[in-house]
Amino acid sequence: MLIYKIATGRAWQEALAAGRYTGSADDLRDGFIHMSASAQTRATLAKHFAAVADLVIVAVEAERLGADLTWEVSRGGEKFPHLYAPLPIEAVVWWYPLAIAADDTHTLPPAFI
């Protein structure tokens, strides 16, 4: 099962160089890396990243994260994947830069399921 992380392009490049992603300022504040299931990703983009440029979407194989990944109730009573450890690059299946449209929405890549 794939789960997704939205990150800035700069942070993602740093993660690739380091071999792991340690999280955004919000992730660090909350003590876990916020992630989304496929069906939650569009709403996450709209709520937290509208009009933000230089973003990437990162697809992660959930099973590769082991016990550090938990599903916890969050926005709207839905369970979201939360990673209580750095995200290892080895768990990433693909990543893709997000284009931003004139209406400040993001276009998800063709590979997004």
C-alpha atoms as a PDB file:
ATOM      1  CA  MET A   1       0.000   0.000   0.000  1.00  0.00           C
ATOM      2  CA  LEU A   2       1.305   3.419  -0.926  1.00  0.00           C
ATOM      3  CA  ILE A   3       1.015   6.412   1.383  1.00  0.00           C
ATOM      4  CA  TYR A   4       2.093   9.949   0.557  1.00  0.00           C
ATOM      5  CA  LYS A   5       4.120  12.812   1.973  1.00  0.00           C
ATOM      6  CA  ILE A   6       4.038  16.373   0.661  1.00  0.00           C
ATOM      7  CA  ALA A   7       7.351  18.178   1.125  1.00  0.00           C
ATOM      8  CA  THR A   8       9.111  21.224  -0.221  1.00  0.00           C
ATOM      9  CA  GLY A   9      11.460  20.590  -3.090  1.00  0.00           C
ATOM     10  CA  ARG A  10      14.382  21.930  -1.074  1.00  0.00           C
ATOM     11  CA  ALA A  11      13.638  19.694   1.927  1.00  0.00           C
ATOM     12  CA  TRP A  12      13.268  16.692  -0.353  1.00  0.00           C
ATOM     13  CA  GLN A  13      16.615  17.340  -2.046  1.00  0.00           C
ATOM     14  CA  GLU A  14      18.212  17.538   1.402  1.00  0.00           C
ATOM     15  CA  ALA A  15      16.526  14.248   2.338  1.00  0.00           C
ATOM     16  CA  LEU A  16      17.837  12.542  -0.776  1.00  0.00           C
ATOM     17  CA  ALA A  17      21.358  13.690   0.059  1.00  0.00           C
ATOM     18  CA  ALA A  18      21.010  12.545   3.690  1.00  0.00           C
ATOM     19  CA  GLY A  19      19.288   9.236   2.916  1.00  0.00           C
ATOM     20  CA  ARG A  20      16.281  10.096   5.086  1.00  0.00           C
ATOM     21  CA  TYR A  21      13.606  12.736   5.552  1.00  0.00           C
ATOM     22  CA  THR A  22      13.290  14.012   9.104  1.00  0.00           C
ATOM     23  CA  GLY A  23      10.151  16.093   8.599  1.00  0.00           C
ATOM     24  CA  SER A  24       8.838  19.611   8.160  1.00  0.00           C
ATOM     25  CA  ALA A  25       8.611  22.186  10.936  1.00  0.00           C
ATOM     26  CA  ASP A  26       5.041  20.982  11.591  1.00  0.00           C
ATOM     27  CA  ASP A  27       6.196  17.355  11.717  1.00  0.00           C
ATOM     28  CA  LEU A  28       8.974  18.205  14.151  1.00  0.00           C
ATOM     29  CA  ARG A  29       6.565  20.207  16.329  1.00  0.00           C
ATOM     30  CA  ASP A  30       4.044  17.346  16.441  1.00  0.00           C
ATOM     31  CA  GLY A  31       6.601  14.576  16.971  1.00  0.00           C
ATOM     32  CA  PHE A  32       5.752  12.565  13.854  1.00  0.00           C
ATOM     33  CA  ILE A  33       5.786  12.863  10.058  1.00  0.00           C
ATOM     34  CA  HIS A  34       2.322  13.655   8.730  1.00  0.00           C
ATOM     35  CA  MET A  35       1.365  11.499   5.768  1.00  0.00           C
ATOM     36  CA  SER A  36      -1.815  10.810   3.802  1.00  0.00           C
ATOM     37  CA  ALA A  37      -3.522   7.858   2.199  1.00  0.00           C
ATOM     38  CA  SER A  38      -4.294   8.201  -1.504  1.00  0.00           C
ATOM     39  CA  ALA A  39      -7.893   9.317  -0.932  1.00  0.00           C
ATOM     40  CA  GLN A  40      -6.748  11.965   1.591  1.00  0.00           C
ATOM     41  CA  THR A  41      -3.983  13.572  -0.452  1.00  0.00           C
ATOM     42  CA  ARG A  42      -6.049  16.056  -2.475  1.00  0.00           C
ATOM     43  CA  ALA A  43      -7.706  17.415   0.687  1.00  0.00           C
ATOM     44  CA  THR A  44      -4.320  17.639   2.429  1.00  0.00           C
ATOM     45  CA  LEU A  45      -2.954  19.671  -0.468  1.00  0.00           C
ATOM     46  CA  ALA A  46      -5.979  21.986  -0.458  1.00  0.00           C
ATOM     47  CA  LYS A  47      -6.022  22.501   3.317  1.00  0.00           C
ATOM     48  CA  HIS A  48      -2.333  22.835   4.105  1.00  0.00           C
ATOM     49  CA  PHE A  49      -0.559  23.682   0.837  1.00  0.00           C
ATOM     50  CA  ALA A  50      -2.883  25.827  -1.316  1.00  0.00           C
ATOM     51  CA  ALA A  51      -0.857  28.280  -3.400  1.00  0.00           C
ATOM     52  CA  VAL A  52       2.464  26.866  -2.106  1.00  0.00           C
ATOM     53  CA  ALA A  53       5.003  26.422  -4.894  1.00  0.00           C
ATOM     54  CA  ASP A  54       8.044  24.130  -5.002  1.00  0.00           C
ATOM     55  CA  LEU A  55       6.366  21.030  -3.595  1.00  0.00           C
ATOM     56  CA  VAL A  56       6.930  17.356  -4.280  1.00  0.00           C
ATOM     57  CA  ILE A  57       4.705  14.382  -3.595  1.00  0.00           C
ATOM     58  CA  VAL A  58       6.536  11.351  -2.261  1.00  0.00           C
ATOM     59  CA  ALA A  59       5.028   7.870  -2.579  1.00  0.00           C
ATOM     60  CA  VAL A  60       6.073   5.512   0.201  1.00  0.00           C
ATOM     61  CA  GLU A  61       5.543   1.771   0.594  1.00  0.00           C
ATOM     62  CA  ALA A  62       3.791   1.663   3.977  1.00  0.00           C
ATOM     63  CA  GLU A  63       4.908  -1.890   4.774  1.00  0.00           C
ATOM     64  CA  ARG A  64       8.559  -0.815   4.658  1.00  0.00           C
ATOM     65  CA  LEU A  65       8.032   1.509   7.642  1.00  0.00           C
ATOM     66  CA  GLY A  66       7.218  -1.218  10.160  1.00  0.00           C
ATOM     67  CA  ALA A  67       6.019  -0.420  13.663  1.00  0.00           C
ATOM     68  CA  ASP A  68       7.048   3.252  13.364  1.00  0.00           C
ATOM     69  CA  LEU A  69       3.952   3.842  11.194  1.00  0.00           C
ATOM     70  CA  THR A  70       0.609   4.153  12.961  1.00  0.00           C
ATOM     71  CA  TRP A  71      -2.830   5.161  11.747  1.00  0.00           C
ATOM     72  CA  GLU A  72      -4.384   7.720  14.061  1.00  0.00           C
ATOM     73  CA  VAL A  73      -7.625   9.666  14.047  1.00  0.00           C
ATOM     74  CA  SER A  74      -7.118  13.193  12.785  1.00  0.00           C
ATOM     75  CA  ARG A  75      -8.968  15.602  10.470  1.00  0.00           C
ATOM     76  CA  GLY A  76     -12.669  14.849  10.222  1.00  0.00           C
ATOM     77  CA  GLY A  77     -12.375  11.708  12.322  1.00  0.00           C
ATOM     78  CA  GLU A  78     -10.396   9.933   9.591  1.00  0.00           C
ATOM     79  CA  LYS A  79      -7.358   7.821  10.359  1.00  0.00           C
ATOM     80  CA  PHE A  80      -4.157   9.208   8.848  1.00  0.00           C
ATOM     81  CA  PRO A  81      -0.735   7.553   8.627  1.00  0.00           C
ATOM     82  CA  HIS A  82       1.760   9.063  11.081  1.00  0.00           C
ATOM     83  CA  LEU A  83       5.421   8.076  11.003  1.00  0.00           C
ATOM     84  CA  TYR A  84       7.211   8.222  14.363  1.00  0.00           C
ATOM     85  CA  ALA A  85      10.715   8.010  12.883  1.00  0.00           C
ATOM     86  CA  PRO A  86      12.642   9.563  10.010  1.00  0.00           C
ATOM     87  CA  LEU A  87      11.422   8.452   6.588  1.00  0.00           C
ATOM     88  CA  PRO A  88      14.101   6.225   5.025  1.00  0.00           C
ATOM     89  CA  ILE A  89      14.680   6.901   1.339  1.00  0.00           C
ATOM     90  CA  GLU A  90      14.688   3.116   0.781  1.00  0.00           C
ATOM     91  CA  ALA A  91      10.942   3.083   1.521  1.00  0.00           C
ATOM     92  CA  VAL A  92      10.211   5.596  -1.274  1.00  0.00           C
ATOM     93  CA  VAL A  93       8.739   4.137  -4.457  1.00  0.00           C
ATOM     94  CA  TRP A  94       8.686   7.403  -6.442  1.00  0.00           C
ATOM     95  CA  TRP A  95       8.559  11.159  -6.013  1.00  0.00           C
ATOM     96  CA  TYR A  96       7.357  13.873  -8.328  1.00  0.00           C
ATOM     97  CA  PRO A  97       7.354  17.690  -8.381  1.00  0.00           C
ATOM     98  CA  LEU A  98       3.879  19.195  -8.135  1.00  0.00           C
ATOM     99  CA  ALA A  99       2.796  21.779 -10.665  1.00  0.00           C
ATOM    100  CA  ILE A 100       0.634  24.618  -9.407  1.00  0.00           C
ATOM    101  CA  ALA A 101      -2.222  25.937 -11.536  1.00  0.00           C
ATOM    102  CA  ALA A 102      -3.476  29.502 -11.916  1.00  0.00           C
ATOM    103  CA  ASP A 103      -6.240  28.737  -9.383  1.00  0.00           C
ATOM    104  CA  ASP A 104      -3.570  27.815  -6.773  1.00  0.00           C
ATOM    105  CA  THR A 105      -4.382  24.101  -6.882  1.00  0.00           C
ATOM    106  CA  HIS A 106      -1.785  21.407  -7.491  1.00  0.00           C
ATOM    107  CA  THR A 107      -1.810  18.910 -10.322  1.00  0.00           C
ATOM    108  CA  LEU A 108      -1.011  15.413  -9.121  1.00  0.00           C
ATOM    109  CA  PRO A 109       1.311  13.345 -11.329  1.00  0.00           C
ATOM    110  CA  PRO A 110       0.072  10.672 -13.736  1.00  0.00           C
ATOM    111  CA  ALA A 111       1.621   8.001 -11.489  1.00  0.00           C
ATOM    112  CA  PHE A 112      -0.658   9.032  -8.599  1.00  0.00           C
ATOM    113  CA  ILE A 113      -3.231   6.371  -7.780  1.00  0.00           C
END
